[in-house]
Amino acid sequence: MSRKFRFPILFLLLCSIAGVAQKPDKEPIKKLTIPPIEQKMIGQGLVDIQKLDPNIKVELKYSTTDNFVGKDVYGDLSRAYLQPEMAKRLAKANALLRKNHSSYTLLVYDAARPNSVQYALWDALDNLKIPAKNKKMYVADPKIGSNHNFGCAVDLTVVDENGKPLDMGTKYDFFGPLAYPRSEQEMLKKGKLTIQQINNRQILRKAMNQAGFATNTTEWWHFDGMSKVQARVKYGMIK
């Protein structure tokens, strides 16, 4: 190759190398923004239940309008939190459930709930035209608090291998005797519940009870890890 053409080619090659060297790096990965409500629970020591058991499914009903008040009161919250001890029990319950029914999994509808959200639920009852004297029939008085407000209660059901909830006889947050565990035999005799629906509830109750949760007598989906008095002393309210 003559000297006449050697230098232009060398110049182009050097420019090409310089261009590659100056090529900007990939855009930095954006950090996930944790919603303030979630930061508040993390700050008070609560844990994401799916970090203990990723198999547990979560569908927070109060992060949607698919709830009895028809209002989203959780906003961006999509993860379920509990006190560490309660989260461990829930993971144990799911393990017990899957041991006896390998295709079944727990689906959480609600878990820890800051007291500020309890006030939002309380106020939302006004839109349903519920008299003040009857509000406690639907939502715990936020001045006293619900066990959810201490991170010691969980609302949940069981889903099959297709993610379909088992038939429990009522929807979540149904108000009335049909949802009462204490009234199941009465509802069975009246033909309002079936044996299969009661059996499905018992599958859930067995796993939860064996893991250390207590059954709520008026809500088949609600389970408490300890009494409200105990929770208040041990943990305090989630603000």
Protein backbone atom coordinates (compact mmCIF):
# COMPACT_ATOMS: atom_id res chain seq x y z
CA MET A 1 0.00 0.00 0.00
CA SER A 2 1.36 3.42 -0.92
CA ARG A 3 2.00 6.03 1.74
CA LYS A 4 -0.63 8.20 0.00
CA PHE A 5 -3.47 5.91 1.14
CA ARG A 6 -1.96 4.54 4.34
CA PHE A 7 -2.48 7.67 6.49
CA PRO A 8 -6.18 8.33 5.64
CA ILE A 9 -7.04 4.73 6.48
CA LEU A 10 -5.09 4.91 9.74
CA PHE A 11 -6.87 8.17 10.60
CA LEU A 12 -10.33 6.61 10.03
CA LEU A 13 -9.39 3.58 12.12
CA LEU A 14 -8.30 5.78 15.04
CA CYS A 15 -11.51 7.82 14.82
CA SER A 16 -13.55 4.62 14.91
CA ILE A 17 -11.77 3.38 18.02
CA ALA A 18 -12.22 6.75 19.71
CA GLY A 19 -15.92 6.67 18.89
CA VAL A 20 -16.32 3.27 20.52
CA ALA A 21 -14.39 4.41 23.59
CA GLN A 22 -16.60 7.49 23.96
CA LYS A 23 -19.87 5.57 23.54
CA PRO A 24 -22.00 6.36 26.59
CA ASP A 25 -22.68 3.62 29.11
CA LYS A 26 -26.14 2.09 29.40
CA GLU A 27 -28.70 4.19 31.19
CA PRO A 28 -28.54 3.63 34.95
CA ILE A 29 -31.18 1.32 36.38
CA LYS A 30 -33.93 3.34 38.00
CA LYS A 31 -34.35 2.73 41.68
CA LEU A 32 -37.73 1.38 42.74
CA THR A 33 -39.71 3.97 44.64
CA ILE A 34 -41.20 2.61 47.84
CA PRO A 35 -44.61 4.17 48.61
CA PRO A 36 -44.67 6.27 51.82
CA ILE A 37 -47.24 3.93 53.39
CA GLU A 38 -44.84 1.05 52.85
CA GLN A 39 -41.85 3.00 54.17
CA LYS A 40 -43.86 3.69 57.30
CA MET A 41 -44.43 -0.03 57.94
CA ILE A 42 -40.83 -0.97 57.17
CA GLY A 43 -39.70 1.77 59.55
CA GLN A 44 -41.77 0.18 62.32
CA GLY A 45 -40.15 -3.20 61.79
CA LEU A 46 -42.79 -4.97 59.75
CA VAL A 47 -41.78 -7.39 57.01
CA ASP A 48 -42.97 -8.20 53.50
CA ILE A 49 -44.58 -11.64 53.81
CA GLN A 50 -43.47 -12.68 50.32
CA LYS A 51 -39.84 -12.33 51.38
CA LEU A 52 -40.44 -15.18 53.81
CA ASP A 53 -42.53 -17.22 51.37
CA PRO A 54 -42.68 -16.10 47.71
CA ASN A 55 -45.37 -18.74 47.08
CA ILE A 56 -47.93 -16.79 49.09
CA LYS A 57 -50.04 -14.71 46.75
CA VAL A 58 -51.12 -11.15 47.50
CA GLU A 59 -54.09 -9.19 46.18
CA LEU A 60 -54.71 -6.26 48.49
CA LYS A 61 -58.40 -5.47 48.11
CA TYR A 62 -58.03 -2.04 49.68
CA SER A 63 -55.51 -1.08 47.00
CA THR A 64 -58.41 -1.40 44.55
CA THR A 65 -62.04 -0.34 44.44
CA ASP A 66 -63.11 -4.00 44.71
CA ASN A 67 -64.04 -3.75 48.37
CA PHE A 68 -67.13 -2.98 50.40
CA VAL A 69 -66.48 0.79 50.51
CA GLY A 70 -65.72 0.91 46.77
CA LYS A 71 -62.65 3.05 47.43
CA ASP A 72 -58.88 2.59 47.06
CA VAL A 73 -57.47 3.56 50.47
CA TYR A 74 -53.97 2.08 50.07
CA GLY A 75 -52.88 3.84 46.89
CA ASP A 76 -49.61 2.42 45.56
CA LEU A 77 -49.26 -0.30 48.20
CA SER A 78 -49.09 -3.74 46.55
CA ARG A 79 -47.15 -5.78 49.13
CA ALA A 80 -48.52 -7.27 52.34
CA TYR A 81 -46.72 -6.64 55.63
CA LEU A 82 -46.97 -8.19 59.09
CA GLN A 83 -45.03 -8.19 62.32
CA PRO A 84 -42.05 -10.59 61.89
CA GLU A 85 -43.53 -13.19 64.23
CA MET A 86 -46.86 -13.09 62.39
CA ALA A 87 -45.17 -13.32 59.01
CA LYS A 88 -43.32 -16.45 60.13
CA ARG A 89 -46.58 -18.01 61.26
CA LEU A 90 -48.18 -17.20 57.94
CA ALA A 91 -45.31 -18.87 56.07
CA LYS A 92 -45.79 -21.90 58.32
CA ALA A 93 -49.53 -21.92 57.56
CA ASN A 94 -48.83 -21.91 53.83
CA ALA A 95 -46.35 -24.77 54.24
CA LEU A 96 -48.93 -26.78 56.18
CA LEU A 97 -51.57 -26.05 53.56
CA ARG A 98 -49.31 -27.12 50.70
CA LYS A 99 -48.25 -30.25 52.58
CA ASN A 100 -51.85 -31.43 52.78
CA HIS A 101 -53.02 -29.90 49.48
CA SER A 102 -50.04 -29.53 47.15
CA SER A 103 -51.94 -27.53 44.52
CA TYR A 104 -53.32 -24.97 46.99
CA THR A 105 -51.78 -21.68 48.12
CA LEU A 106 -52.77 -18.85 50.44
CA LEU A 107 -53.99 -15.60 48.88
CA VAL A 108 -53.77 -12.53 51.15
CA TYR A 109 -56.43 -9.84 50.82
CA ASP A 110 -55.25 -7.60 53.68
CA ALA A 111 -52.57 -7.61 56.34
CA ALA A 112 -51.00 -4.78 58.36
CA ARG A 113 -52.94 -1.56 58.01
CA PRO A 114 -51.71 1.82 59.29
CA ASN A 115 -54.13 3.59 61.60
CA SER A 116 -54.30 6.49 59.12
CA VAL A 117 -55.93 4.06 56.67
CA GLN A 118 -58.31 2.91 59.38
CA TYR A 119 -59.53 6.51 59.61
CA ALA A 120 -59.93 6.61 55.82
CA LEU A 121 -62.09 3.47 55.94
CA TRP A 122 -64.09 4.89 58.85
CA ASP A 123 -64.77 8.11 56.94
CA ALA A 124 -65.62 6.19 53.76
CA LEU A 125 -68.62 4.71 55.56
CA ASP A 126 -70.24 8.14 55.37
CA ASN A 127 -70.52 7.72 51.60
CA LEU A 128 -72.48 4.52 52.22
CA LYS A 129 -74.93 6.47 54.41
CA ILE A 130 -74.13 4.30 57.42
CA PRO A 131 -75.20 5.99 60.68
CA ALA A 132 -72.38 6.83 63.08
CA LYS A 133 -73.83 4.54 65.76
CA ASN A 134 -73.59 1.56 63.36
CA LYS A 135 -70.11 2.17 61.98
CA LYS A 136 -68.46 -0.27 64.39
CA MET A 137 -70.46 -3.07 62.76
CA TYR A 138 -68.36 -2.57 59.61
CA VAL A 139 -65.02 -1.06 60.64
CA ALA A 140 -63.17 -0.98 63.95
CA ASP A 141 -63.15 2.45 65.57
CA PRO A 142 -59.78 3.97 64.56
CA LYS A 143 -59.45 5.55 68.01
CA ILE A 144 -59.22 2.03 69.43
CA GLY A 145 -57.80 0.29 66.41
CA SER A 146 -58.15 -3.04 64.66
CA ASN A 147 -55.68 -5.88 65.04
CA HIS A 148 -54.68 -5.02 61.47
CA ASN A 149 -53.43 -1.69 62.86
CA PHE A 150 -50.90 -3.58 64.98
CA GLY A 151 -49.72 -5.86 62.18
CA CYS A 152 -51.17 -8.91 63.91
CA ALA A 153 -54.15 -9.81 61.71
CA VAL A 154 -54.49 -11.10 58.19
CA ASP A 155 -57.42 -11.53 55.79
CA LEU A 156 -57.00 -14.30 53.27
CA THR A 157 -58.37 -17.24 51.34
CA VAL A 158 -57.10 -20.30 49.47
CA VAL A 159 -56.53 -20.53 45.71
CA ASP A 160 -56.09 -23.59 43.50
CA GLU A 161 -53.34 -24.32 40.97
CA ASN A 162 -54.98 -21.91 38.51
CA GLY A 163 -55.06 -19.08 41.05
CA LYS A 164 -58.84 -19.38 41.44
CA PRO A 165 -60.15 -18.83 44.99
CA LEU A 166 -61.97 -21.76 46.53
CA ASP A 167 -65.71 -21.31 46.99
CA MET A 168 -66.17 -20.16 50.57
CA GLY A 169 -69.88 -19.42 50.26
CA THR A 170 -69.51 -15.62 50.28
CA LYS A 171 -67.21 -12.99 48.89
CA TYR A 172 -64.53 -11.34 50.99
CA ASP A 173 -65.96 -8.65 53.29
CA PHE A 174 -69.49 -10.01 53.11
CA PHE A 175 -71.52 -8.85 56.10
CA GLY A 176 -74.01 -11.23 57.64
CA PRO A 177 -74.42 -14.72 59.18
CA LEU A 178 -73.50 -16.42 55.92
CA ALA A 179 -69.89 -15.34 56.53
CA TYR A 180 -69.88 -16.31 60.22
CA PRO A 181 -67.86 -19.44 61.08
CA ARG A 182 -70.02 -19.74 64.21
CA SER A 183 -73.18 -19.94 62.07
CA GLU A 184 -72.01 -22.46 59.47
CA GLN A 185 -74.03 -25.41 60.71
CA GLU A 186 -77.16 -23.26 60.90
CA MET A 187 -76.56 -21.97 57.36
CA LEU A 188 -75.98 -25.56 56.21
CA LYS A 189 -79.30 -26.70 57.67
CA LYS A 190 -81.06 -23.81 55.94
CA GLY A 191 -79.44 -24.76 52.63
CA LYS A 192 -77.54 -21.45 52.38
CA LEU A 193 -74.11 -23.09 52.60
CA THR A 194 -72.97 -26.41 51.15
CA ILE A 195 -70.78 -29.08 52.70
CA GLN A 196 -68.09 -28.28 50.12
CA GLN A 197 -68.08 -24.59 51.01
CA ILE A 198 -67.72 -25.41 54.70
CA ASN A 199 -64.98 -27.94 53.93
CA ASN A 200 -63.11 -25.27 51.97
CA ARG A 201 -63.28 -22.93 54.96
CA GLN A 202 -62.05 -25.71 57.21
CA ILE A 203 -59.03 -26.25 54.96
CA LEU A 204 -58.10 -22.61 55.50
CA ARG A 205 -58.86 -22.68 59.22
CA LYS A 206 -56.88 -25.86 59.84
CA ALA A 207 -53.70 -24.44 58.33
CA MET A 208 -54.08 -21.08 60.07
CA ASN A 209 -54.98 -22.53 63.46
CA GLN A 210 -52.11 -25.01 63.39
CA ALA A 211 -49.73 -22.13 62.62
CA GLY A 212 -50.93 -20.20 65.68
CA PHE A 213 -53.69 -17.93 64.37
CA ALA A 214 -57.12 -17.66 65.98
CA THR A 215 -60.36 -17.83 64.00
CA ASN A 216 -62.66 -14.81 63.91
CA THR A 217 -66.21 -15.93 64.64
CA THR A 218 -67.90 -13.52 62.21
CA GLU A 219 -65.46 -13.43 59.27
CA TRP A 220 -64.21 -16.67 57.67
CA TRP A 221 -61.30 -14.78 56.06
CA HIS A 222 -59.97 -12.99 59.18
CA PHE A 223 -57.36 -14.46 61.53
CA ASP A 224 -55.62 -12.94 64.56
CA GLY A 225 -52.12 -13.74 65.76
CA MET A 226 -52.86 -12.49 69.29
CA SER A 227 -55.41 -10.41 71.13
CA LYS A 228 -55.62 -6.69 70.52
CA VAL A 229 -54.57 -6.03 74.12
CA GLN A 230 -51.44 -8.16 73.67
CA ALA A 231 -50.65 -6.57 70.30
CA ARG A 232 -50.98 -3.06 71.73
CA VAL A 233 -48.55 -3.83 74.55
CA LYS A 234 -46.04 -5.77 72.44
CA TYR A 235 -45.99 -3.72 69.23
CA GLY A 236 -47.98 -0.53 69.47
CA MET A 237 -50.11 0.88 66.71
CA ILE A 238 -48.88 1.42 63.17
CA LYS A 239 -49.44 5.12 62.58
